Structure formats: structure tokens, C-alpha cells
Amino acid sequence: MTRFSKLRLIAATFVVTACALHQAKATEPPADLCSLLPAAEVSKALGRTYDAPQKSVAPRPLPNTATGTDCNYLAKGSKLWFRVYFDPSASVATDLFSRFSKLYGTPTPVAGLGDEAYFDQSHGLHVRKGRVRFYLNLDPIDNFTPTIEKQLKDLAGDVLGRL
């Protein structure tokens, strides 16, 4: 009986450790944040060939907040802007997401993406999941159609699948 209890304790310890390691790994940002949205997926989703992203540092939205990463995907006559921030905690991300949503006019909520998402008045898609906030903006959008809306939502879903 004692041997069985020791085996159960070892197995339980292994499971808890494995889950904790998986959780820690899942919250760490990748070294290249643009890898969250490969150019091949952008090209496939939007139906034209986009170059590898041009990467740059996204400014801190407020003092004492994290810098982010801008990834700009260019195609002839089109640009997709992907901006992503990994905040120190989910509560910080939630607060910033809420505060900034008021800057873009009346948001149109989007169900089923991350913890919360909305389209702004310029048809940029803003998404938050845990401590991650990101933004997708397709330029130009002369006519915001259900097809374009679905394409942006699909790209956001691809990003969320990598977090």
C-alpha cells in the first residue's frame, strides 16, 4: 500500500510540474513577435502575395508601459499592419485595452475572439487575450465588406492559436 501511495505522489507531482511548465511557456512571448502571423498566412487569407513583414518597435502607449512590435506586410496596393503588445499582466492589458477603446470612436464588439475584441470606426480589429493585446489594420479599405471582416477575424484567430 505504501508503494502505491508513493507512485501516486510521484505521478501527481509530475502532472502538476508539467502543467506549470506548460502554463509558464504559454505566457512567454516568442523572440520574434511577427512570427505570430507568418506572411504566407497573410497572403492566403487576403488573396494576394504579401512580403515578409517589416518589423519595428511600437511605441509605449503610456509612460511606464511596455513597448510593442509593429509588423507591416506589404503587397502591391495593400498593407496589413499588425501591432502586438505583451503586457506585464492580464489586468494591465485589460485596463489598457478598455482605456484605448474609447480613443477610436464607438467600438463594434466582436464575439468569439480572445477575451475581448472590437472593430474601431476605421475598421481596425483590436483583440485582447490574457496579457496580450494586438491590432490588425488593412489599408486601404475602400468598402468594408463582410468578406474583409471575415479575413481579419481569421487572421486574428491564427494569431490567437499561436499564443
Protein backbone atom coordinates (compact mmCIF):
# COMPACT_ATOMS: atom_id res chain seq x y z
CA MET A 1 0.00 0.00 0.00
CA THR A 2 2.83 2.41 0.80
CA ARG A 3 4.47 1.74 -2.57
CA PHE A 4 1.18 2.54 -4.33
CA SER A 5 0.88 5.83 -2.42
CA LYS A 6 4.44 6.81 -3.36
CA LEU A 7 3.72 6.08 -7.03
CA ARG A 8 0.57 8.21 -6.88
CA LEU A 9 2.50 11.05 -5.25
CA ILE A 10 5.22 10.86 -7.91
CA ALA A 11 2.63 10.81 -10.70
CA ALA A 12 0.72 13.75 -9.19
CA THR A 13 3.95 15.74 -8.82
CA PHE A 14 4.84 15.04 -12.45
CA VAL A 15 1.43 16.17 -13.72
CA VAL A 16 1.45 19.39 -11.66
CA THR A 17 5.01 20.22 -12.77
CA ALA A 18 4.22 19.55 -16.43
CA CYS A 19 1.12 21.76 -16.28
CA ALA A 20 3.03 24.57 -14.55
CA LEU A 21 5.81 24.45 -17.16
CA HIS A 22 3.27 24.47 -20.00
CA GLN A 23 1.48 27.45 -18.43
CA ALA A 24 4.74 29.37 -17.97
CA LYS A 25 5.81 28.67 -21.56
CA ALA A 26 2.41 29.73 -22.93
CA THR A 27 2.67 33.18 -21.33
CA GLU A 28 6.15 33.99 -22.67
CA PRO A 29 6.29 35.95 -25.92
CA PRO A 30 8.19 34.47 -28.86
CA ALA A 31 11.53 36.06 -29.70
CA ASP A 32 10.09 37.34 -32.99
CA LEU A 33 6.57 38.62 -32.43
CA CYS A 34 5.98 38.84 -36.18
CA SER A 35 6.19 35.03 -36.20
CA LEU A 36 2.72 35.07 -34.65
CA LEU A 37 1.44 35.99 -38.12
CA PRO A 38 3.51 34.45 -40.96
CA ALA A 39 3.44 36.23 -44.32
CA ALA A 40 2.24 33.03 -46.02
CA GLU A 41 -0.92 33.06 -43.88
CA VAL A 42 -1.49 36.75 -44.56
CA SER A 43 -1.16 36.08 -48.32
CA LYS A 44 -3.51 33.09 -48.17
CA ALA A 45 -6.14 34.88 -46.09
CA LEU A 46 -6.12 38.11 -48.11
CA GLY A 47 -5.73 36.54 -51.56
CA ARG A 48 -2.60 38.34 -52.73
CA THR A 49 1.13 37.93 -52.17
CA TYR A 50 2.49 39.83 -49.18
CA ASP A 51 6.19 40.26 -48.45
CA ALA A 52 7.79 39.17 -45.18
CA PRO A 53 6.91 41.71 -42.50
CA GLN A 54 8.92 44.83 -41.94
CA LYS A 55 9.48 44.79 -38.19
CA SER A 56 9.88 47.83 -35.92
CA VAL A 57 9.35 48.82 -32.30
CA ALA A 58 5.85 50.03 -31.47
CA PRO A 59 5.93 52.94 -29.03
CA ARG A 60 4.84 52.71 -25.42
CA PRO A 61 1.21 53.81 -25.33
CA LEU A 62 1.75 55.50 -21.95
CA PRO A 63 4.77 56.12 -19.73
CA ASN A 64 5.80 53.02 -17.76
CA THR A 65 4.07 50.62 -20.16
CA ALA A 66 5.63 48.00 -22.42
CA THR A 67 6.84 48.71 -25.92
CA GLY A 68 5.34 46.53 -28.61
CA THR A 69 6.20 45.30 -32.06
CA ASP A 70 4.90 46.55 -35.40
CA CYS A 71 4.85 44.12 -38.31
CA ASN A 72 3.99 45.66 -41.67
CA TYR A 73 3.16 43.29 -44.53
CA LEU A 74 3.30 44.90 -47.96
CA ALA A 75 1.71 43.81 -51.23
CA LYS A 76 1.17 45.78 -54.39
CA GLY A 77 -1.51 48.33 -53.47
CA SER A 78 -2.08 46.97 -49.97
CA LYS A 79 -0.60 46.92 -46.48
CA LEU A 80 -1.52 44.93 -43.39
CA TRP A 81 -0.38 46.44 -40.11
CA PHE A 82 -0.06 44.05 -37.16
CA ARG A 83 0.83 45.65 -33.80
CA VAL A 84 1.26 43.48 -30.73
CA TYR A 85 1.98 44.16 -27.05
CA PHE A 86 2.76 41.69 -24.27
CA ASP A 87 1.80 43.50 -21.07
CA PRO A 88 3.13 42.52 -17.62
CA SER A 89 -0.22 41.01 -16.57
CA ALA A 90 -3.74 40.33 -17.79
CA SER A 91 -5.10 43.06 -15.50
CA VAL A 92 -2.76 45.66 -17.04
CA ALA A 93 -3.73 44.51 -20.55
CA THR A 94 -7.44 44.63 -19.66
CA ASP A 95 -7.13 48.17 -18.27
CA LEU A 96 -5.17 49.45 -21.28
CA PHE A 97 -7.50 47.71 -23.74
CA SER A 98 -10.50 49.37 -22.10
CA ARG A 99 -8.89 52.80 -21.93
CA PHE A 100 -7.75 52.80 -25.55
CA SER A 101 -11.06 51.52 -26.92
CA LYS A 102 -12.52 54.93 -26.16
CA LEU A 103 -9.94 56.66 -28.39
CA TYR A 104 -11.13 55.05 -31.61
CA GLY A 105 -14.76 56.13 -31.60
CA THR A 106 -17.60 53.79 -30.83
CA PRO A 107 -16.26 50.23 -30.88
CA THR A 108 -18.19 47.40 -32.51
CA PRO A 109 -17.75 44.34 -30.27
CA VAL A 110 -16.61 41.09 -31.87
CA ALA A 111 -17.65 37.85 -30.18
CA GLY A 112 -15.52 34.74 -30.15
CA LEU A 113 -12.05 36.30 -30.44
CA GLY A 114 -9.78 36.18 -27.41
CA ASP A 115 -11.07 37.55 -24.12
CA GLU A 116 -12.44 40.65 -25.85
CA ALA A 117 -12.29 42.19 -29.31
CA TYR A 118 -13.79 45.03 -31.33
CA PHE A 119 -13.61 46.80 -34.66
CA ASP A 120 -12.91 50.51 -34.42
CA GLN A 121 -14.53 53.14 -36.66
CA SER A 122 -11.69 52.79 -39.20
CA HIS A 123 -12.25 49.01 -39.34
CA GLY A 124 -9.10 48.15 -37.40
CA LEU A 125 -9.51 44.96 -35.36
CA HIS A 126 -8.36 45.15 -31.72
CA VAL A 127 -8.05 41.91 -29.71
CA ARG A 128 -7.01 41.05 -26.15
CA LYS A 129 -6.23 37.62 -24.78
CA GLY A 130 -4.76 37.42 -21.30
CA ARG A 131 -1.83 39.82 -21.19
CA VAL A 132 -1.57 40.16 -24.98
CA ARG A 133 -3.12 42.99 -26.97
CA PHE A 134 -2.93 43.24 -30.73
CA TYR A 135 -4.29 45.22 -33.62
CA LEU A 136 -4.82 44.42 -37.32
CA ASN A 137 -5.41 47.14 -39.88
CA LEU A 138 -5.76 46.56 -43.61
CA ASP A 139 -5.06 49.57 -45.81
CA PRO A 140 -6.73 50.65 -47.96
CA ILE A 141 -10.26 49.62 -47.11
CA ASP A 142 -12.49 51.49 -49.52
CA ASN A 143 -15.52 49.38 -48.73
CA PHE A 144 -15.59 47.33 -45.51
CA THR A 145 -17.36 44.18 -46.64
CA PRO A 146 -18.31 41.02 -44.73
CA THR A 147 -15.52 39.28 -46.67
CA ILE A 148 -12.87 41.68 -45.37
CA GLU A 149 -14.32 41.42 -41.86
CA LYS A 150 -14.04 37.63 -42.02
CA GLN A 151 -10.48 37.78 -43.39
CA LEU A 152 -9.36 39.98 -40.49
CA LYS A 153 -11.13 37.79 -37.95
CA ASP A 154 -9.48 34.70 -39.47
CA LEU A 155 -6.05 36.31 -39.22
CA ALA A 156 -6.75 37.25 -35.58
CA GLY A 157 -7.76 33.64 -34.94
CA ASP A 158 -4.45 32.48 -36.43
CA VAL A 159 -2.57 34.79 -34.05
CA LEU A 160 -4.62 33.60 -31.07
CA GLY A 161 -3.85 30.00 -31.99
CA ARG A 162 -0.14 30.72 -31.57
CA LEU A 163 -0.43 32.36 -28.14
